[in-house]
Protein backbone atom coordinates (compact mmCIF):
# COMPACT_ATOMS: atom_id res chain seq x y z
CA MET A 1 -33.42 18.55 16.98
CA ASP A 2 -32.56 17.11 13.63
CA THR A 3 -30.43 13.89 13.86
CA GLU A 4 -30.49 13.06 10.14
CA VAL A 5 -27.26 12.99 8.14
CA PRO A 6 -27.34 15.46 5.24
CA LYS A 7 -27.84 13.74 1.84
CA ASP A 8 -25.39 16.13 0.10
CA ALA A 9 -22.41 15.99 2.54
CA PRO A 10 -19.73 18.43 1.51
CA ARG A 11 -16.77 16.63 -0.24
CA HIS A 12 -13.39 17.86 1.00
CA GLY A 13 -11.09 16.76 -1.82
CA GLY A 14 -7.49 17.41 -1.15
CA ASN A 15 -4.96 18.78 -3.59
CA ILE A 16 -2.38 16.73 -5.41
CA PHE A 17 0.21 17.15 -2.56
CA THR A 18 -2.22 15.77 0.00
CA ILE A 19 -3.05 12.82 -2.07
CA PHE A 20 0.66 12.16 -2.71
CA ILE A 21 1.51 12.21 1.04
CA THR A 22 -1.44 9.99 1.90
CA SER A 23 -0.53 7.60 -0.73
CA LEU A 24 3.25 7.55 0.33
CA SER A 25 2.30 7.09 3.91
CA ALA A 26 -0.02 4.08 3.17
CA ALA A 27 2.67 2.49 1.12
CA ILE A 28 5.24 2.94 3.81
CA VAL A 29 3.08 1.55 6.55
CA VAL A 30 1.79 -1.46 4.61
CA ALA A 31 4.75 -2.58 2.68
CA GLY A 32 7.26 -1.51 5.43
CA GLY A 33 5.26 -3.40 8.22
CA LEU A 34 5.13 -6.57 6.02
CA GLY A 35 8.81 -6.38 4.97
CA ILE A 36 10.09 -6.06 8.52
CA VAL A 37 7.90 -8.95 9.73
CA LEU A 38 9.03 -11.22 6.90
CA GLN A 39 12.66 -10.25 7.38
CA ALA A 40 12.30 -11.15 11.05
CA GLY A 41 11.12 -14.45 10.03
CA ILE A 42 13.93 -14.96 7.73
CA LEU A 43 16.57 -14.04 10.28
CA ALA A 44 14.82 -16.23 12.96
CA ALA A 45 14.88 -19.27 10.58
CA VAL A 46 18.52 -18.77 9.67
CA ALA A 47 19.51 -18.51 13.27
CA ARG A 48 17.23 -21.27 14.58
CA MET A 49 17.91 -23.84 11.81
CA GLY A 50 21.42 -22.83 10.85
CA LEU A 51 20.49 -22.29 7.27
CA GLY A 52 23.72 -20.22 6.44
CA PRO A 53 24.33 -17.08 4.62
CA SER A 54 23.05 -18.05 1.18
CA PHE A 55 19.55 -18.69 2.62
CA LEU A 56 19.80 -15.24 4.28
CA TRP A 57 20.70 -13.41 1.09
CA ALA A 58 18.24 -15.20 -1.12
CA GLY A 59 15.46 -14.66 1.51
CA THR A 60 16.43 -11.10 1.86
CA ALA A 61 16.40 -10.58 -1.96
CA ILE A 62 13.06 -12.12 -2.24
CA ASN A 63 11.69 -10.19 0.60
CA ALA A 64 13.09 -6.88 -0.78
CA ALA A 65 11.52 -7.50 -4.17
CA LEU A 66 8.12 -8.46 -2.60
CA THR A 67 8.22 -5.36 -0.30
CA LEU A 68 9.14 -3.04 -3.11
CA TRP A 69 6.27 -4.43 -5.37
CA LEU A 70 3.83 -4.06 -2.41
CA ALA A 71 4.99 -0.48 -1.74
CA VAL A 72 4.51 0.52 -5.43
CA TRP A 73 1.08 -1.29 -5.53
CA THR A 74 -0.11 0.25 -2.44
CA PHE A 75 0.89 3.68 -3.42
CA ALA A 76 -0.88 3.19 -6.90
CA ARG A 77 -4.01 1.80 -5.27
CA SER A 78 -4.18 4.62 -2.81
CA TRP A 79 -3.67 7.18 -5.47
CA HIS A 80 -6.37 5.59 -7.78
CA VAL A 81 -8.92 5.46 -4.75
CA GLU A 82 -8.19 9.00 -3.76
CA ARG A 83 -8.66 10.30 -7.32
CA ARG A 84 -12.03 8.42 -7.53
CA LEU A 85 -13.32 9.72 -4.30
CA LYS A 86 -12.37 13.30 -5.25
CA ALA A 87 -14.28 12.83 -8.52
CA GLY A 88 -17.31 11.55 -6.39
CA LEU A 89 -17.07 8.14 -7.68
CA GLU A 90 -17.38 4.79 -5.82
CA VAL A 91 -14.29 2.71 -4.98
CA ASP A 92 -13.88 -0.14 -7.47
CA GLU A 93 -12.52 -3.56 -7.00
CA PRO A 94 -8.74 -3.78 -6.58
CA LYS A 95 -6.55 -5.05 -9.42
CA LEU A 96 -3.11 -6.64 -8.99
CA SER A 97 -1.73 -4.70 -11.75
CA ILE A 98 0.17 -1.58 -10.72
CA LEU A 99 -0.43 0.02 -14.03
CA ALA A 100 -4.14 -0.62 -13.95
CA ASN A 101 -4.25 1.65 -10.98
CA PHE A 102 -2.52 4.61 -12.59
CA ARG A 103 -4.86 4.54 -15.66
CA GLY A 104 -7.94 6.65 -15.82
CA SER A 105 -10.61 6.63 -13.19
């Protein structure tokens, strides 16, 4: 019985629709989860410390901007990694730039 892993494992590269759905799902899970947790913290701080509506609106705006940036970055990073894997390349180090992830593999 042969228990070795074949050296040339078949690569199952998805089409563009599959990569899009995977990247969108990753962005929703990562950014959505963080955004919900941060917003809960903001609401708890406002209720517990009585900080007022101005703190609530400012905290919500900052949270929304951070969550939006993280969603776009996660989408771009996932898209970049999926393209590299489809091309048979190794995964590279992540960059904080959104545009760097959309540039060539």
